[in-house]
PDB file of all heavy atoms in Angstrom:
ATOM      1  N   THR A   1       0.768  -1.204   0.002  1.00  0.00           N
ATOM      2  CA  THR A   1       0.028  -0.083   0.028  1.00  0.00           C
ATOM      3  C   THR A   1       0.835   1.237  -0.021  1.00  0.00           C
ATOM      4  O   THR A   1       1.874   1.355   0.794  1.00  0.00           O
ATOM      5  CB  THR A   1      -0.912   0.049   1.207  1.00  0.00           C
ATOM      6  OG1 THR A   1      -1.660  -1.137   1.324  1.00  0.00           O
ATOM      7  CG2 THR A   1      -1.826   1.265   1.239  1.00  0.00           C
ATOM      8  N   LEU A   2       0.555   2.115  -0.820  1.00  0.00           N
ATOM      9  CA  LEU A   2       1.197   3.473  -0.890  1.00  0.00           C
ATOM     10  C   LEU A   2       0.175   4.581  -0.831  1.00  0.00           C
ATOM     11  O   LEU A   2      -0.793   4.544  -1.543  1.00  0.00           O
ATOM     12  CB  LEU A   2       1.992   3.704  -2.210  1.00  0.00           C
ATOM     13  CG  LEU A   2       3.112   2.646  -2.462  1.00  0.00           C
ATOM     14  CD1 LEU A   2       2.568   1.527  -3.292  1.00  0.00           C
ATOM     15  CD2 LEU A   2       4.333   3.316  -3.234  1.00  0.00           C
ATOM     16  N   ALA A   3       0.317   5.459   0.267  1.00  0.00           N
ATOM     17  CA  ALA A   3      -0.759   6.396   0.493  1.00  0.00           C
ATOM     18  C   ALA A   3      -0.251   7.644   1.282  1.00  0.00           C
ATOM     19  O   ALA A   3       0.488   7.429   2.227  1.00  0.00           O
ATOM     20  CB  ALA A   3      -1.920   5.667   1.213  1.00  0.00           C
ATOM     21  N   TYR A   4      -0.755   8.742   0.828  1.00  0.00           N
ATOM     22  CA  TYR A   4      -0.473  10.037   1.578  1.00  0.00           C
ATOM     23  C   TYR A   4      -1.350  10.026   2.824  1.00  0.00           C
ATOM     24  O   TYR A   4      -2.412   9.502   2.899  1.00  0.00           O
ATOM     25  CB  TYR A   4      -0.777  11.235   0.700  1.00  0.00           C
ATOM     26  CG  TYR A   4      -0.686  12.541   1.365  1.00  0.00           C
ATOM     27  CD1 TYR A   4       0.576  13.093   1.810  1.00  0.00           C
ATOM     28  CD2 TYR A   4      -1.805  13.354   1.669  1.00  0.00           C
ATOM     29  CE1 TYR A   4       0.650  14.253   2.337  1.00  0.00           C
ATOM     30  CE2 TYR A   4      -1.648  14.531   2.262  1.00  0.00           C
ATOM     31  CZ  TYR A   4      -0.381  15.051   2.661  1.00  0.00           C
ATOM     32  OH  TYR A   4      -0.307  16.214   3.312  1.00  0.00           O
ATOM     33  N   ASN A   5      -0.764  10.663   3.888  1.00  0.00           N
ATOM     34  CA  ASN A   5      -1.514  10.695   5.125  1.00  0.00           C
ATOM     35  C   ASN A   5      -1.708  12.199   5.483  1.00  0.00           C
ATOM     36  O   ASN A   5      -0.806  12.926   5.764  1.00  0.00           O
ATOM     37  CB  ASN A   5      -0.760  10.005   6.268  1.00  0.00           C
ATOM     38  CG  ASN A   5      -1.509   9.932   7.481  1.00  0.00           C
ATOM     39  OD1 ASN A   5      -1.820  10.901   8.159  1.00  0.00           O
ATOM     40  ND2 ASN A   5      -1.863   8.650   7.919  1.00  0.00           N
ATOM     41  N   GLU A   6      -2.980  12.614   5.422  1.00  0.00           N
ATOM     42  CA  GLU A   6      -3.318  13.996   5.644  1.00  0.00           C
ATOM     43  C   GLU A   6      -2.822  14.610   6.982  1.00  0.00           C
ATOM     44  O   GLU A   6      -2.442  15.792   7.169  1.00  0.00           O
ATOM     45  CB  GLU A   6      -4.868  14.204   5.604  1.00  0.00           C
ATOM     46  CG  GLU A   6      -5.496  13.890   4.164  1.00  0.00           C
ATOM     47  CD  GLU A   6      -5.214  15.102   3.260  1.00  0.00           C
ATOM     48  OE1 GLU A   6      -4.689  16.137   3.674  1.00  0.00           O
ATOM     49  OE2 GLU A   6      -5.691  15.015   2.134  1.00  0.00           O
ATOM     50  N   ALA A   7      -2.876  13.744   8.058  1.00  0.00           N
ATOM     51  CA  ALA A   7      -2.436  14.246   9.307  1.00  0.00           C
ATOM     52  C   ALA A   7      -0.942  14.097   9.547  1.00  0.00           C
ATOM     53  O   ALA A   7      -0.226  15.035  10.038  1.00  0.00           O
ATOM     54  CB  ALA A   7      -3.188  13.344  10.475  1.00  0.00           C
ATOM     55  N   GLU A   8      -0.380  12.989   9.223  1.00  0.00           N
ATOM     56  CA  GLU A   8       1.014  12.754   9.497  1.00  0.00           C
ATOM     57  C   GLU A   8       2.019  13.168   8.404  1.00  0.00           C
ATOM     58  O   GLU A   8       3.118  13.541   8.774  1.00  0.00           O
ATOM     59  CB  GLU A   8       1.267  11.174   9.716  1.00  0.00           C
ATOM     60  CG  GLU A   8       0.429  10.648  10.741  1.00  0.00           C
ATOM     61  CD  GLU A   8       0.759  11.248  12.116  1.00  0.00           C
ATOM     62  OE1 GLU A   8       1.819  10.787  12.764  1.00  0.00           O
ATOM     63  OE2 GLU A   8       0.004  12.131  12.558  1.00  0.00           O
ATOM     64  N   GLY A   9       1.626  13.344   7.071  1.00  0.00           N
ATOM     65  CA  GLY A   9       2.436  13.826   6.084  1.00  0.00           C
ATOM     66  C   GLY A   9       3.022  15.152   6.382  1.00  0.00           C
ATOM     67  O   GLY A   9       4.241  15.397   6.357  1.00  0.00           O
ATOM     68  N   PRO A  10       2.290  16.182   6.717  1.00  0.00           N
ATOM     69  CA  PRO A  10       2.721  17.407   6.947  1.00  0.00           C
ATOM     70  C   PRO A  10       3.620  17.523   8.227  1.00  0.00           C
ATOM     71  O   PRO A  10       4.683  18.200   8.328  1.00  0.00           O
ATOM     72  CB  PRO A  10       1.496  18.301   7.328  1.00  0.00           C
ATOM     73  CG  PRO A  10       0.398  17.655   6.480  1.00  0.00           C
ATOM     74  CD  PRO A  10       0.741  16.207   6.628  1.00  0.00           C
ATOM     75  N   LYS A  11       3.388  16.659   9.153  1.00  0.00           N
ATOM     76  CA  LYS A  11       4.192  16.587  10.406  1.00  0.00           C
ATOM     77  C   LYS A  11       5.573  16.128  10.023  1.00  0.00           C
ATOM     78  O   LYS A  11       6.652  16.606  10.461  1.00  0.00           O
ATOM     79  CB  LYS A  11       3.573  15.663  11.428  1.00  0.00           C
ATOM     80  CG  LYS A  11       2.329  16.198  12.116  1.00  0.00           C
ATOM     81  CD  LYS A  11       1.841  15.133  13.124  1.00  0.00           C
ATOM     82  CE  LYS A  11       0.455  15.473  13.762  1.00  0.00           C
ATOM     83  NZ  LYS A  11       0.060  14.460  14.645  1.00  0.00           N
ATOM     84  N   ALA A  12       5.642  15.023   9.215  1.00  0.00           N
ATOM     85  CA  ALA A  12       6.829  14.465   8.762  1.00  0.00           C
ATOM     86  C   ALA A  12       7.751  15.446   7.966  1.00  0.00           C
ATOM     87  O   ALA A  12       8.928  15.580   8.190  1.00  0.00           O
ATOM     88  CB  ALA A  12       6.591  13.250   7.953  1.00  0.00           C
ATOM     89  N   ARG A  13       7.106  16.156   7.034  1.00  0.00           N
ATOM     90  CA  ARG A  13       7.773  17.089   6.288  1.00  0.00           C
ATOM     91  C   ARG A  13       8.372  18.280   7.166  1.00  0.00           C
ATOM     92  O   ARG A  13       9.513  18.675   6.974  1.00  0.00           O
ATOM     93  CB  ARG A  13       6.951  17.806   5.227  1.00  0.00           C
ATOM     94  CG  ARG A  13       6.497  16.797   4.098  1.00  0.00           C
ATOM     95  CD  ARG A  13       6.066  17.559   2.895  1.00  0.00           C
ATOM     96  NE  ARG A  13       4.672  18.298   3.159  1.00  0.00           N
ATOM     97  CZ  ARG A  13       3.587  17.705   3.055  1.00  0.00           C
ATOM     98  NH1 ARG A  13       3.398  16.547   2.597  1.00  0.00           N
ATOM     99  NH2 ARG A  13       2.437  18.496   3.291  1.00  0.00           N
ATOM    100  N   ALA A  14       7.538  18.697   8.190  1.00  0.00           N
ATOM    101  CA  ALA A  14       8.089  19.727   9.027  1.00  0.00           C
ATOM    102  C   ALA A  14       9.221  19.158   9.884  1.00  0.00           C
ATOM    103  O   ALA A  14      10.213  19.958  10.145  1.00  0.00           O
ATOM    104  CB  ALA A  14       6.984  20.228   9.970  1.00  0.00           C
ATOM    105  N   ASP A  15       9.180  17.920  10.430  1.00  0.00           N
ATOM    106  CA  ASP A  15      10.215  17.360  11.142  1.00  0.00           C
ATOM    107  C   ASP A  15      11.533  17.252  10.268  1.00  0.00           C
ATOM    108  O   ASP A  15      12.574  17.509  10.843  1.00  0.00           O
ATOM    109  CB  ASP A  15       9.827  15.974  11.593  1.00  0.00           C
ATOM    110  CG  ASP A  15       8.773  16.002  12.726  1.00  0.00           C
ATOM    111  OD1 ASP A  15       8.631  17.000  13.368  1.00  0.00           O
ATOM    112  OD2 ASP A  15       8.076  14.968  12.882  1.00  0.00           O
ATOM    113  N   ALA A  16      11.373  16.827   9.039  1.00  0.00           N
ATOM    114  CA  ALA A  16      12.545  16.644   8.155  1.00  0.00           C
ATOM    115  C   ALA A  16      13.177  18.095   7.927  1.00  0.00           C
ATOM    116  O   ALA A  16      14.383  18.190   7.988  1.00  0.00           O
ATOM    117  CB  ALA A  16      12.160  16.104   6.884  1.00  0.00           C
ATOM    118  N   LEU A  17      12.379  19.012   7.615  1.00  0.00           N
ATOM    119  CA  LEU A  17      12.902  20.343   7.280  1.00  0.00           C
ATOM    120  C   LEU A  17      13.574  20.931   8.532  1.00  0.00           C
ATOM    121  O   LEU A  17      14.669  21.656   8.489  1.00  0.00           O
ATOM    122  CB  LEU A  17      11.844  21.347   6.755  1.00  0.00           C
ATOM    123  CG  LEU A  17      11.229  20.803   5.426  1.00  0.00           C
ATOM    124  CD1 LEU A  17      10.215  21.773   4.948  1.00  0.00           C
ATOM    125  CD2 LEU A  17      12.328  20.681   4.351  1.00  0.00           C
ATOM    126  N   GLU A  18      13.052  20.714   9.706  1.00  0.00           N
ATOM    127  CA  GLU A  18      13.560  21.271  10.977  1.00  0.00           C
ATOM    128  C   GLU A  18      14.926  20.580  11.221  1.00  0.00           C
ATOM    129  O   GLU A  18      15.872  21.227  11.759  1.00  0.00           O
ATOM    130  CB  GLU A  18      12.710  21.028  12.128  1.00  0.00           C
ATOM    131  CG  GLU A  18      13.104  21.674  13.420  1.00  0.00           C
ATOM    132  CD  GLU A  18      13.275  23.183  13.287  1.00  0.00           C
ATOM    133  OE1 GLU A  18      12.441  23.750  12.537  1.00  0.00           O
ATOM    134  OE2 GLU A  18      14.208  23.707  13.934  1.00  0.00           O
ATOM    135  N   PHE A  19      15.104  19.292  10.852  1.00  0.00           N
ATOM    136  CA  PHE A  19      16.291  18.639  11.032  1.00  0.00           C
ATOM    137  C   PHE A  19      17.407  19.221  10.237  1.00  0.00           C
ATOM    138  O   PHE A  19      18.517  19.615  10.657  1.00  0.00           O
ATOM    139  CB  PHE A  19      16.162  17.145  10.672  1.00  0.00           C
ATOM    140  CG  PHE A  19      17.440  16.387  10.474  1.00  0.00           C
ATOM    141  CD1 PHE A  19      18.223  16.048  11.704  1.00  0.00           C
ATOM    142  CD2 PHE A  19      17.959  16.034   9.247  1.00  0.00           C
ATOM    143  CE1 PHE A  19      19.436  15.409  11.624  1.00  0.00           C
ATOM    144  CE2 PHE A  19      19.170  15.315   9.137  1.00  0.00           C
ATOM    145  CZ  PHE A  19      19.868  15.022  10.303  1.00  0.00           C
ATOM    146  N   PHE A  20      17.048  19.572   8.984  1.00  0.00           N
ATOM    147  CA  PHE A  20      18.059  20.110   8.084  1.00  0.00           C
ATOM    148  C   PHE A  20      18.431  21.587   8.440  1.00  0.00           C
ATOM    149  O   PHE A  20      19.581  21.928   8.334  1.00  0.00           O
ATOM    150  CB  PHE A  20      17.643  20.044   6.624  1.00  0.00           C
ATOM    151  CG  PHE A  20      17.674  18.693   6.009  1.00  0.00           C
ATOM    152  CD1 PHE A  20      16.490  17.970   5.688  1.00  0.00           C
ATOM    153  CD2 PHE A  20      18.858  17.958   5.942  1.00  0.00           C
ATOM    154  CE1 PHE A  20      16.525  16.665   5.105  1.00  0.00           C
ATOM    155  CE2 PHE A  20      18.930  16.620   5.414  1.00  0.00           C
ATOM    156  CZ  PHE A  20      17.730  16.125   5.015  1.00  0.00           C
ATOM    157  N   LYS A  21      17.425  22.289   8.862  1.00  0.00           N
ATOM    158  CA  LYS A  21      17.787  23.650   9.339  1.00  0.00           C
ATOM    159  C   LYS A  21      18.703  23.702  10.472  1.00  0.00           C
ATOM    160  O   LYS A  21      19.573  24.472  10.542  1.00  0.00           O
ATOM    161  CB  LYS A  21      16.408  24.325   9.740  1.00  0.00           C
ATOM    162  CG  LYS A  21      15.549  24.754   8.511  1.00  0.00           C
ATOM    163  CD  LYS A  21      14.124  25.256   9.002  1.00  0.00           C
ATOM    164  CE  LYS A  21      14.181  26.439   9.854  1.00  0.00           C
ATOM    165  NZ  LYS A  21      12.808  26.859  10.226  1.00  0.00           N
ATOM    166  N   SER A  22      18.420  22.756  11.456  1.00  0.00           N
ATOM    167  CA  SER A  22      19.238  22.674  12.666  1.00  0.00           C
ATOM    168  C   SER A  22      20.740  22.169  12.218  1.00  0.00           C
ATOM    169  O   SER A  22      21.685  22.624  12.770  1.00  0.00           O
ATOM    170  CB  SER A  22      18.664  21.653  13.680  1.00  0.00           C
ATOM    171  OG  SER A  22      19.550  21.468  14.748  1.00  0.00           O
ATOM    172  N   LEU A  23      20.682  21.102  11.319  1.00  0.00           N
ATOM    173  CA  LEU A  23      22.006  20.500  10.822  1.00  0.00           C
ATOM    174  C   LEU A  23      22.922  21.667  10.264  1.00  0.00           C
ATOM    175  O   LEU A  23      24.136  21.615  10.445  1.00  0.00           O
ATOM    176  CB  LEU A  23      21.627  19.421   9.911  1.00  0.00           C
ATOM    177  CG  LEU A  23      22.875  18.635   9.417  1.00  0.00           C
ATOM    178  CD1 LEU A  23      23.484  17.815  10.636  1.00  0.00           C
ATOM    179  CD2 LEU A  23      22.466  17.771   8.243  1.00  0.00           C
ATOM    180  N   PHE A  24      22.264  22.451   9.471  1.00  0.00           N
ATOM    181  CA  PHE A  24      22.993  23.512   8.694  1.00  0.00           C
ATOM    182  C   PHE A  24      23.130  24.891   9.433  1.00  0.00           C
ATOM    183  O   PHE A  24      23.694  25.811   8.856  1.00  0.00           O
ATOM    184  CB  PHE A  24      22.372  23.710   7.290  1.00  0.00           C
ATOM    185  CG  PHE A  24      22.508  22.411   6.507  1.00  0.00           C
ATOM    186  CD1 PHE A  24      21.453  22.114   5.689  1.00  0.00           C
ATOM    187  CD2 PHE A  24      23.663  21.654   6.500  1.00  0.00           C
ATOM    188  CE1 PHE A  24      21.542  20.966   4.830  1.00  0.00           C
ATOM    189  CE2 PHE A  24      23.751  20.426   5.701  1.00  0.00           C
ATOM    190  CZ  PHE A  24      22.659  20.166   4.920  1.00  0.00           C
ATOM    191  N   GLY A  25      22.530  24.925  10.547  1.00  0.00           N
ATOM    192  CA  GLY A  25      22.503  26.229  11.347  1.00  0.00           C
ATOM    193  C   GLY A  25      21.710  27.336  10.680  1.00  0.00           C
ATOM    194  O   GLY A  25      22.107  28.484  10.706  1.00  0.00           O
TER     195      GLY A  25
END
């Protein structure tokens, strides 16, 4: 099964971007 998740998808993207922002200062 491959499926977008309306609730968790945006959270995951935000978590990923925050990681890279922190990593790169």
